[in-house]
Amino acid sequence: MRLLLIEDDRLIAQSVYAALTAIGNTVDVVATYAAASNALARDHFDLWLLDLGLPDGCGLDLLAARRSAGETTPVLILTSRDDIDDRVRGLDLGADDYLAKPFSLAELEARVRALLRRSQQRLDNRLSLGVISVDSVHGTASVNDELLELPRRELRLLEGLLLYAERTVPRETLERRLFGFDEVGPNALEVYISRLRKRLAGSGVAIRTLRGLGYRIERDSSPMN
């Protein structure tokens, strides 16, 4: 999944980044209200984690502005504030969950998984199509319940395609999921698509290229090996 972490405490940001990327997420980190507002205006995220005490503004004001603009992405508030009024206001403004600092990284991971499941209307942490499956808890992929060893970016690519199974995913959406805000070459995505296609050969699932539109993972009529 692609997550946006809005946190100005460098140590907390580093810890959260390490924990959430280790389980297969792409995490973009910003430390100010302005940077967060710009990121949310130009990109789509599956979830954002929001600190309230930002150096150039209040996280609650950012939340209110994005909800007023029609933003429906799940939001998990992270804050050291323990005032019940802040918690109530955050939830009333549209936050989906609230975690007070200091917090357990294991609890943070569990809350992130729960919010993603809820937003995608899933009952568990698996994304599947045919015999292909990705487990977002363990950061693993499988074919016919047998582990498929994938490098991290190929795993993220497969997850991104399965989120839109049998629907077209725009190229830009997949690039952001794999590379975040990093600069990428014009053929970088095609390299990963090609590698993943080879790994899925004979699985009954194929990745189609739709020129000018994007990519789609779908069931394939070719026989399995």
Protein backbone atom coordinates (compact mmCIF):
# COMPACT_ATOMS: atom_id res chain seq x y z
CA MET A 1 0.00 0.00 0.00
CA ARG A 2 1.05 3.62 -0.43
CA LEU A 3 0.97 5.59 2.81
CA LEU A 4 1.64 9.23 3.66
CA LEU A 5 3.24 9.88 7.06
CA ILE A 6 2.86 13.48 8.25
CA GLU A 7 5.20 13.75 11.25
CA ASP A 8 7.74 16.39 12.27
CA ASP A 9 9.50 14.35 14.97
CA ARG A 10 12.41 12.78 13.08
CA LEU A 11 12.91 9.82 15.41
CA ILE A 12 9.23 8.89 15.39
CA ALA A 13 9.09 9.32 11.62
CA GLN A 14 12.11 7.05 11.15
CA SER A 15 10.65 4.35 13.42
CA VAL A 16 7.23 4.41 11.76
CA TYR A 17 8.78 4.48 8.29
CA ALA A 18 10.97 1.46 9.07
CA ALA A 19 8.08 -0.52 10.57
CA LEU A 20 5.62 0.11 7.75
CA THR A 21 8.05 -0.32 4.85
CA ALA A 22 9.28 -3.60 6.36
CA ILE A 23 5.83 -5.11 5.80
CA GLY A 24 5.69 -4.09 2.15
CA ASN A 25 4.28 -0.55 2.12
CA THR A 26 5.59 2.47 0.23
CA VAL A 27 5.76 5.30 2.76
CA ASP A 28 6.25 8.96 1.83
CA VAL A 29 7.24 11.19 4.75
CA VAL A 30 6.59 14.92 5.11
CA ALA A 31 7.15 17.10 8.16
CA THR A 32 5.03 20.21 7.59
CA TYR A 33 1.46 21.28 6.91
CA ALA A 34 2.49 22.84 3.59
CA ALA A 35 4.32 19.74 2.34
CA ALA A 36 1.44 17.49 3.37
CA SER A 37 -1.12 19.71 1.66
CA ASN A 38 0.91 19.70 -1.56
CA ALA A 39 1.36 15.91 -1.47
CA LEU A 40 -2.34 15.26 -0.91
CA ALA A 41 -3.33 17.68 -3.66
CA ARG A 42 -1.27 15.96 -6.33
CA ASP A 43 -1.20 12.27 -5.36
CA HIS A 44 -3.43 9.45 -4.14
CA PHE A 45 -2.60 7.50 -0.99
CA ASP A 46 -4.26 4.43 0.49
CA LEU A 47 -3.98 5.88 4.01
CA TRP A 48 -2.35 8.80 5.78
CA LEU A 49 -0.97 9.02 9.29
CA LEU A 50 -1.34 12.49 10.73
CA ASP A 51 0.50 14.23 13.56
CA LEU A 52 -1.52 17.12 14.97
CA GLY A 53 1.29 19.37 16.18
CA LEU A 54 2.95 20.45 12.93
CA PRO A 55 5.45 23.36 12.93
CA ASP A 56 3.50 25.48 10.44
CA GLY A 57 -0.09 24.57 11.24
CA CYS A 58 -2.52 22.27 13.01
CA GLY A 59 -3.09 18.77 11.71
CA LEU A 60 -6.78 19.08 12.51
CA ASP A 61 -7.05 22.05 10.15
CA LEU A 62 -5.42 19.97 7.40
CA LEU A 63 -7.86 17.15 8.05
CA ALA A 64 -10.83 19.52 7.92
CA ALA A 65 -9.61 21.10 4.68
CA ARG A 66 -9.09 17.76 2.92
CA ARG A 67 -12.43 16.35 4.05
CA SER A 68 -14.14 19.54 2.84
CA ALA A 69 -12.44 19.02 -0.52
CA GLY A 70 -13.95 15.54 -0.77
CA GLU A 71 -10.93 13.52 0.39
CA THR A 72 -12.15 10.14 1.67
CA THR A 73 -8.82 8.37 2.27
CA PRO A 74 -8.60 6.74 5.74
CA VAL A 75 -6.75 8.85 8.33
CA LEU A 76 -5.01 7.63 11.47
CA ILE A 77 -4.16 10.45 13.88
CA LEU A 78 -0.84 10.15 15.74
CA THR A 79 -0.35 12.67 18.52
CA SER A 80 1.11 13.18 21.96
CA ARG A 81 -1.91 15.24 22.95
CA ASP A 82 -4.06 13.53 25.57
CA ASP A 83 -6.87 16.07 25.72
CA ILE A 84 -10.16 14.28 25.10
CA ASP A 85 -11.45 17.35 23.24
CA ASP A 86 -8.73 16.95 20.58
CA ARG A 87 -9.62 13.30 20.14
CA VAL A 88 -13.32 14.05 19.80
CA ARG A 89 -12.72 16.92 17.37
CA GLY A 90 -10.41 14.79 15.24
CA LEU A 91 -12.96 11.98 14.95
CA ASP A 92 -15.77 14.46 14.28
CA LEU A 93 -13.73 16.07 11.50
CA GLY A 94 -13.41 12.71 9.76
CA ALA A 95 -10.44 10.85 11.24
CA ASP A 96 -10.93 7.08 11.21
CA ASP A 97 -8.78 6.16 14.21
CA TYR A 98 -6.60 7.72 16.89
CA LEU A 99 -3.33 6.54 18.45
CA ALA A 100 -1.66 8.49 21.25
CA LYS A 101 2.13 8.69 21.61
CA PRO A 102 4.04 6.79 22.80
CA PHE A 103 2.59 3.78 21.02
CA SER A 104 3.58 0.22 20.20
CA LEU A 105 4.70 -0.26 16.60
CA ALA A 106 2.89 -3.61 16.59
CA GLU A 107 -0.36 -1.84 17.53
CA LEU A 108 0.29 0.81 14.87
CA GLU A 109 0.75 -1.88 12.21
CA ALA A 110 -2.45 -3.64 13.30
CA ARG A 111 -4.47 -0.40 13.18
CA VAL A 112 -3.10 0.41 9.72
CA ARG A 113 -4.07 -3.04 8.46
CA ALA A 114 -7.56 -2.71 9.96
CA LEU A 115 -8.16 0.69 8.35
CA LEU A 116 -6.97 -0.57 4.96
CA ARG A 117 -9.21 -3.64 5.18
CA ARG A 118 -12.19 -1.50 6.07
CA SER A 119 -11.60 1.04 3.30
CA GLN A 120 -11.22 -1.74 0.70
CA GLN A 121 -14.18 -3.72 2.09
CA ARG A 122 -12.10 -6.81 2.78
CA LEU A 123 -12.64 -9.32 5.58
CA ASP A 124 -8.99 -10.31 5.91
CA ASN A 125 -5.50 -9.14 4.91
CA ARG A 126 -5.28 -11.06 1.64
CA LEU A 127 -5.68 -9.82 -1.91
CA SER A 128 -6.38 -12.61 -4.39
CA LEU A 129 -7.17 -13.40 -8.00
CA GLY A 130 -7.38 -17.01 -9.10
CA VAL A 131 -4.52 -18.90 -7.45
CA ILE A 132 -2.48 -15.72 -6.87
CA SER A 133 -2.56 -14.15 -3.41
CA VAL A 134 -0.76 -11.41 -1.45
CA ASP A 135 -0.77 -11.37 2.36
CA SER A 136 -0.26 -7.79 3.55
CA VAL A 137 0.38 -8.85 7.17
CA HIS A 138 3.40 -11.01 6.39
CA GLY A 139 4.40 -9.23 3.18
CA THR A 140 4.30 -12.43 1.13
CA ALA A 141 2.86 -13.65 -2.17
CA SER A 142 1.79 -17.16 -3.07
CA VAL A 143 0.68 -19.25 -6.03
CA ASN A 144 -1.59 -22.18 -5.18
CA ASP A 145 -0.72 -21.55 -1.51
CA GLU A 146 2.97 -22.05 -2.26
CA LEU A 147 5.27 -19.14 -1.40
CA LEU A 148 6.34 -17.00 -4.35
CA GLU A 149 9.63 -15.25 -3.62
CA LEU A 150 9.35 -11.66 -4.81
CA PRO A 151 11.67 -8.67 -4.33
CA ARG A 152 9.95 -5.84 -2.46
CA ARG A 153 9.07 -3.70 -5.46
CA GLU A 154 7.64 -6.63 -7.40
CA LEU A 155 5.55 -7.49 -4.36
CA ARG A 156 4.28 -3.90 -4.21
CA LEU A 157 3.50 -4.02 -7.91
CA LEU A 158 1.53 -7.25 -7.57
CA GLU A 159 -0.35 -5.81 -4.60
CA GLY A 160 -1.17 -2.65 -6.54
CA LEU A 161 -2.51 -4.65 -9.47
CA LEU A 162 -4.57 -6.94 -7.22
CA LEU A 163 -6.16 -3.94 -5.50
CA TYR A 164 -7.77 -3.24 -8.89
CA ALA A 165 -8.10 -6.88 -10.01
CA GLU A 166 -9.55 -7.14 -13.52
CA ARG A 167 -9.71 -3.34 -13.75
CA THR A 168 -7.27 -0.95 -15.42
CA VAL A 169 -4.68 0.69 -13.17
CA PRO A 170 -3.19 3.94 -14.53
CA ARG A 171 0.55 3.87 -15.07
CA GLU A 172 1.04 6.85 -12.75
CA THR A 173 -0.73 5.05 -9.90
CA LEU A 174 1.64 2.09 -10.12
CA GLU A 175 4.72 4.31 -10.45
CA ARG A 176 3.80 6.22 -7.30
CA ARG A 177 3.13 2.96 -5.46
CA LEU A 178 6.55 1.58 -6.37
CA PHE A 179 8.73 4.67 -6.24
CA GLY A 180 6.89 7.27 -4.14
CA PHE A 181 8.23 10.75 -4.85
CA ASP A 182 11.56 9.42 -6.21
CA GLU A 183 12.51 10.28 -9.77
CA VAL A 184 12.04 7.32 -12.11
CA GLY A 185 13.24 6.58 -15.63
CA PRO A 186 10.72 6.28 -18.49
CA ASN A 187 11.07 2.49 -18.64
CA ALA A 188 11.42 1.68 -14.94
CA LEU A 189 7.86 0.43 -14.51
CA GLU A 190 8.03 -1.73 -17.65
CA VAL A 191 11.10 -3.50 -16.24
CA TYR A 192 9.18 -4.55 -13.13
CA ILE A 193 6.07 -5.46 -15.14
CA SER A 194 8.19 -7.71 -17.36
CA ARG A 195 9.83 -9.43 -14.40
CA LEU A 196 6.49 -10.02 -12.69
CA ARG A 197 4.93 -11.39 -15.87
CA LYS A 198 7.66 -14.02 -16.06
CA ARG A 199 7.11 -15.04 -12.44
CA LEU A 200 3.36 -15.42 -13.00
CA ALA A 201 3.68 -17.37 -16.25
CA GLY A 202 1.50 -20.48 -16.18
CA SER A 203 -0.43 -19.37 -13.09
CA GLY A 204 -3.70 -18.71 -14.89
CA VAL A 205 -3.31 -14.98 -14.25
CA ALA A 206 -1.82 -12.47 -16.71
CA ILE A 207 -0.86 -8.80 -16.75
CA ARG A 208 -2.20 -6.93 -19.77
CA THR A 209 -0.86 -3.66 -21.14
CA LEU A 210 -3.46 -1.16 -22.35
CA ARG A 211 -1.56 1.40 -24.37
CA GLY A 212 -2.13 4.92 -23.14
CA LEU A 213 -4.29 3.70 -20.25
CA GLY A 214 -2.27 1.50 -17.93
CA TYR A 215 -2.18 -2.15 -16.86
CA ARG A 216 -4.66 -4.78 -15.78
CA ILE A 217 -4.22 -8.11 -14.01
CA GLU A 218 -6.84 -10.65 -15.06
CA ARG A 219 -7.56 -14.33 -15.35
CA ASP A 220 -5.81 -15.94 -18.28
CA SER A 221 -7.21 -18.77 -20.39
CA SER A 222 -3.74 -20.25 -20.93
CA PRO A 223 -3.26 -23.63 -19.16
CA MET A 224 -1.21 -23.76 -15.98
CA ASN A 225 2.15 -25.55 -15.93
